[in-house]
Amino acid sequence: MNPINESGKKLEIELRDFLREKEIPFQRSGEGSDIGIDFRIHIEGRTLWVECANQNVGGSVVGIVTGK
């Protein structure tokens, strides 16, 4: 695994552990999922979509995530 993917995977694990510790309901997209977003977090009747991505170059997060 390259260092960029390792960084994103590490963040996914840290977020998963945090959500479990705080008992915040969430769903994870599986490998090869059509959704393409790492987490769906359900809180206060809303769903937050979270993508864990490493940004090690200039540019906006929107440009980097939409280019995945």
N, C-alpha and C. Protein backbone atom coordinates (compact mmCIF):
# COMPACT_ATOMS: atom_id res chain seq x y z
N MET A 1 0.86 -1.18 0.00
CA MET A 1 0.00 0.00 0.00
C MET A 1 0.90 1.24 0.00
N ASN A 2 0.54 2.21 -0.83
CA ASN A 2 1.37 3.41 -0.87
C ASN A 2 1.07 4.31 0.33
N PRO A 3 1.99 5.24 0.67
CA PRO A 3 1.83 6.08 1.87
C PRO A 3 0.55 6.92 1.88
N ILE A 4 0.08 7.34 0.71
CA ILE A 4 -1.15 8.14 0.66
C ILE A 4 -2.33 7.29 1.09
N ASN A 5 -2.44 6.07 0.56
CA ASN A 5 -3.53 5.19 0.96
C ASN A 5 -3.44 4.82 2.44
N GLU A 6 -2.21 4.61 2.93
CA GLU A 6 -2.04 4.29 4.35
C GLU A 6 -2.57 5.42 5.22
N SER A 7 -2.30 6.65 4.85
CA SER A 7 -2.76 7.81 5.62
C SER A 7 -4.28 7.86 5.65
N GLY A 8 -4.93 7.64 4.51
CA GLY A 8 -6.39 7.64 4.45
C GLY A 8 -6.98 6.49 5.25
N LYS A 9 -6.38 5.32 5.18
CA LYS A 9 -6.86 4.16 5.94
C LYS A 9 -6.71 4.40 7.44
N LYS A 10 -5.60 5.03 7.83
CA LYS A 10 -5.39 5.34 9.25
C LYS A 10 -6.50 6.27 9.75
N LEU A 11 -6.83 7.27 8.96
CA LEU A 11 -7.91 8.19 9.34
C LEU A 11 -9.24 7.46 9.44
N GLU A 12 -9.51 6.54 8.51
CA GLU A 12 -10.75 5.75 8.56
C GLU A 12 -10.83 4.97 9.87
N ILE A 13 -9.74 4.36 10.28
CA ILE A 13 -9.72 3.57 11.52
C ILE A 13 -9.93 4.48 12.73
N GLU A 14 -9.27 5.63 12.73
CA GLU A 14 -9.41 6.57 13.86
C GLU A 14 -10.84 7.09 13.95
N LEU A 15 -11.46 7.41 12.81
CA LEU A 15 -12.84 7.90 12.82
C LEU A 15 -13.78 6.79 13.28
N ARG A 16 -13.60 5.58 12.76
CA ARG A 16 -14.43 4.45 13.18
C ARG A 16 -14.36 4.25 14.68
N ASP A 17 -13.16 4.26 15.24
CA ASP A 17 -12.99 4.06 16.67
C ASP A 17 -13.64 5.18 17.48
N PHE A 18 -13.50 6.41 17.01
CA PHE A 18 -14.12 7.56 17.68
C PHE A 18 -15.64 7.43 17.70
N LEU A 19 -16.22 7.10 16.54
CA LEU A 19 -17.67 6.97 16.46
C LEU A 19 -18.18 5.86 17.37
N ARG A 20 -17.47 4.75 17.42
CA ARG A 20 -17.86 3.65 18.31
C ARG A 20 -17.77 4.07 19.77
N GLU A 21 -16.68 4.75 20.13
CA GLU A 21 -16.48 5.20 21.51
C GLU A 21 -17.59 6.14 21.95
N LYS A 22 -18.01 7.03 21.06
CA LYS A 22 -19.06 8.01 21.38
C LYS A 22 -20.46 7.48 21.12
N GLU A 23 -20.54 6.21 20.66
CA GLU A 23 -21.81 5.56 20.36
C GLU A 23 -22.64 6.35 19.36
N ILE A 24 -21.98 6.85 18.35
CA ILE A 24 -22.63 7.58 17.27
C ILE A 24 -22.89 6.57 16.14
N PRO A 25 -24.15 6.42 15.72
CA PRO A 25 -24.45 5.44 14.69
C PRO A 25 -23.86 5.83 13.33
N PHE A 26 -23.31 4.82 12.64
CA PHE A 26 -22.72 5.07 11.33
C PHE A 26 -22.75 3.79 10.51
N GLN A 27 -22.56 3.96 9.21
CA GLN A 27 -22.40 2.84 8.29
C GLN A 27 -21.16 3.11 7.49
N ARG A 28 -20.46 2.04 7.13
CA ARG A 28 -19.28 2.16 6.27
C ARG A 28 -19.58 1.57 4.92
N SER A 29 -19.04 2.19 3.90
CA SER A 29 -19.14 1.62 2.56
C SER A 29 -18.10 0.51 2.45
N GLY A 30 -18.48 -0.58 1.85
CA GLY A 30 -17.56 -1.69 1.69
C GLY A 30 -16.64 -1.48 0.50
N GLU A 31 -15.64 -2.32 0.38
CA GLU A 31 -14.73 -2.26 -0.77
C GLU A 31 -15.54 -2.43 -2.04
N GLY A 32 -15.26 -1.61 -3.04
CA GLY A 32 -15.94 -1.71 -4.31
C GLY A 32 -17.39 -1.24 -4.27
N SER A 33 -17.75 -0.51 -3.24
CA SER A 33 -19.12 -0.02 -3.11
C SER A 33 -19.44 1.00 -4.20
N ASP A 34 -20.69 1.03 -4.61
CA ASP A 34 -21.15 2.01 -5.60
C ASP A 34 -21.17 3.42 -5.02
N ILE A 35 -21.27 3.51 -3.69
CA ILE A 35 -21.43 4.82 -3.05
C ILE A 35 -20.15 5.64 -3.14
N GLY A 36 -19.01 5.05 -2.86
CA GLY A 36 -17.74 5.75 -2.97
C GLY A 36 -17.44 6.72 -1.84
N ILE A 37 -18.24 6.68 -0.79
CA ILE A 37 -18.01 7.52 0.39
C ILE A 37 -17.70 6.57 1.55
N ASP A 38 -16.71 6.90 2.36
CA ASP A 38 -16.26 5.99 3.41
C ASP A 38 -17.29 5.79 4.53
N PHE A 39 -17.92 6.86 5.00
CA PHE A 39 -18.83 6.77 6.13
C PHE A 39 -20.12 7.51 5.88
N ARG A 40 -21.20 6.96 6.41
CA ARG A 40 -22.47 7.67 6.54
C ARG A 40 -22.74 7.72 8.04
N ILE A 41 -22.73 8.92 8.60
CA ILE A 41 -22.90 9.11 10.04
C ILE A 41 -24.30 9.65 10.27
N HIS A 42 -25.05 8.97 11.14
CA HIS A 42 -26.44 9.33 11.41
C HIS A 42 -26.53 10.00 12.77
N ILE A 43 -26.88 11.28 12.77
CA ILE A 43 -26.92 12.02 14.03
C ILE A 43 -28.01 13.10 13.96
N GLU A 44 -28.82 13.16 14.99
CA GLU A 44 -29.88 14.15 15.12
C GLU A 44 -30.78 14.20 13.88
N GLY A 45 -31.15 13.02 13.38
CA GLY A 45 -32.06 12.94 12.25
C GLY A 45 -31.46 13.32 10.91
N ARG A 46 -30.15 13.48 10.86
CA ARG A 46 -29.47 13.86 9.63
C ARG A 46 -28.41 12.82 9.30
N THR A 47 -28.02 12.79 8.05
CA THR A 47 -26.94 11.91 7.62
C THR A 47 -25.79 12.76 7.11
N LEU A 48 -24.61 12.52 7.66
CA LEU A 48 -23.39 13.19 7.20
C LEU A 48 -22.59 12.18 6.39
N TRP A 49 -22.16 12.56 5.22
CA TRP A 49 -21.37 11.71 4.35
C TRP A 49 -19.91 12.13 4.51
N VAL A 50 -19.04 11.20 4.88
CA VAL A 50 -17.64 11.53 5.16
C VAL A 50 -16.71 10.67 4.32
N GLU A 51 -15.81 11.33 3.63
CA GLU A 51 -14.77 10.66 2.86
C GLU A 51 -13.43 10.96 3.51
N CYS A 52 -12.69 9.93 3.85
CA CYS A 52 -11.37 10.09 4.47
C CYS A 52 -10.33 10.09 3.35
N ALA A 53 -9.74 11.24 3.09
CA ALA A 53 -8.78 11.36 2.00
C ALA A 53 -7.57 12.15 2.46
N ASN A 54 -6.41 11.71 2.04
CA ASN A 54 -5.17 12.42 2.33
C ASN A 54 -5.00 13.54 1.31
N GLN A 55 -4.66 14.72 1.78
CA GLN A 55 -4.39 15.84 0.87
C GLN A 55 -2.95 16.27 1.08
N ASN A 56 -2.10 15.89 0.15
CA ASN A 56 -0.69 16.27 0.28
C ASN A 56 -0.24 17.15 -0.88
N VAL A 57 -1.21 17.72 -1.61
CA VAL A 57 -0.91 18.64 -2.70
C VAL A 57 -1.83 19.85 -2.55
N GLY A 58 -1.48 20.92 -3.23
CA GLY A 58 -2.31 22.11 -3.19
C GLY A 58 -3.63 21.86 -3.89
N GLY A 59 -4.60 22.69 -3.61
CA GLY A 59 -5.89 22.57 -4.25
C GLY A 59 -6.99 22.43 -3.22
N SER A 60 -8.21 22.47 -3.70
CA SER A 60 -9.34 22.37 -2.79
C SER A 60 -9.66 20.91 -2.50
N VAL A 61 -10.26 20.68 -1.36
CA VAL A 61 -10.70 19.35 -1.01
C VAL A 61 -11.76 18.87 -1.99
N VAL A 62 -12.63 19.78 -2.41
CA VAL A 62 -13.66 19.41 -3.38
C VAL A 62 -13.04 18.87 -4.65
N GLY A 63 -12.01 19.52 -5.15
CA GLY A 63 -11.35 19.06 -6.36
C GLY A 63 -10.67 17.71 -6.18
N ILE A 64 -10.11 17.49 -5.01
CA ILE A 64 -9.40 16.24 -4.76
C ILE A 64 -10.38 15.09 -4.55
N VAL A 65 -11.42 15.30 -3.74
CA VAL A 65 -12.37 14.23 -3.46
C VAL A 65 -13.19 13.89 -4.70
N THR A 66 -13.63 14.88 -5.45
CA THR A 66 -14.44 14.58 -6.63
C THR A 66 -13.62 13.93 -7.72
N GLY A 67 -12.30 14.08 -7.64
CA GLY A 67 -11.43 13.44 -8.63
C GLY A 67 -11.06 12.01 -8.29
N LYS A 68 -11.52 11.51 -7.15
CA LYS A 68 -11.17 10.15 -6.73
C LYS A 68 -11.81 9.12 -7.62
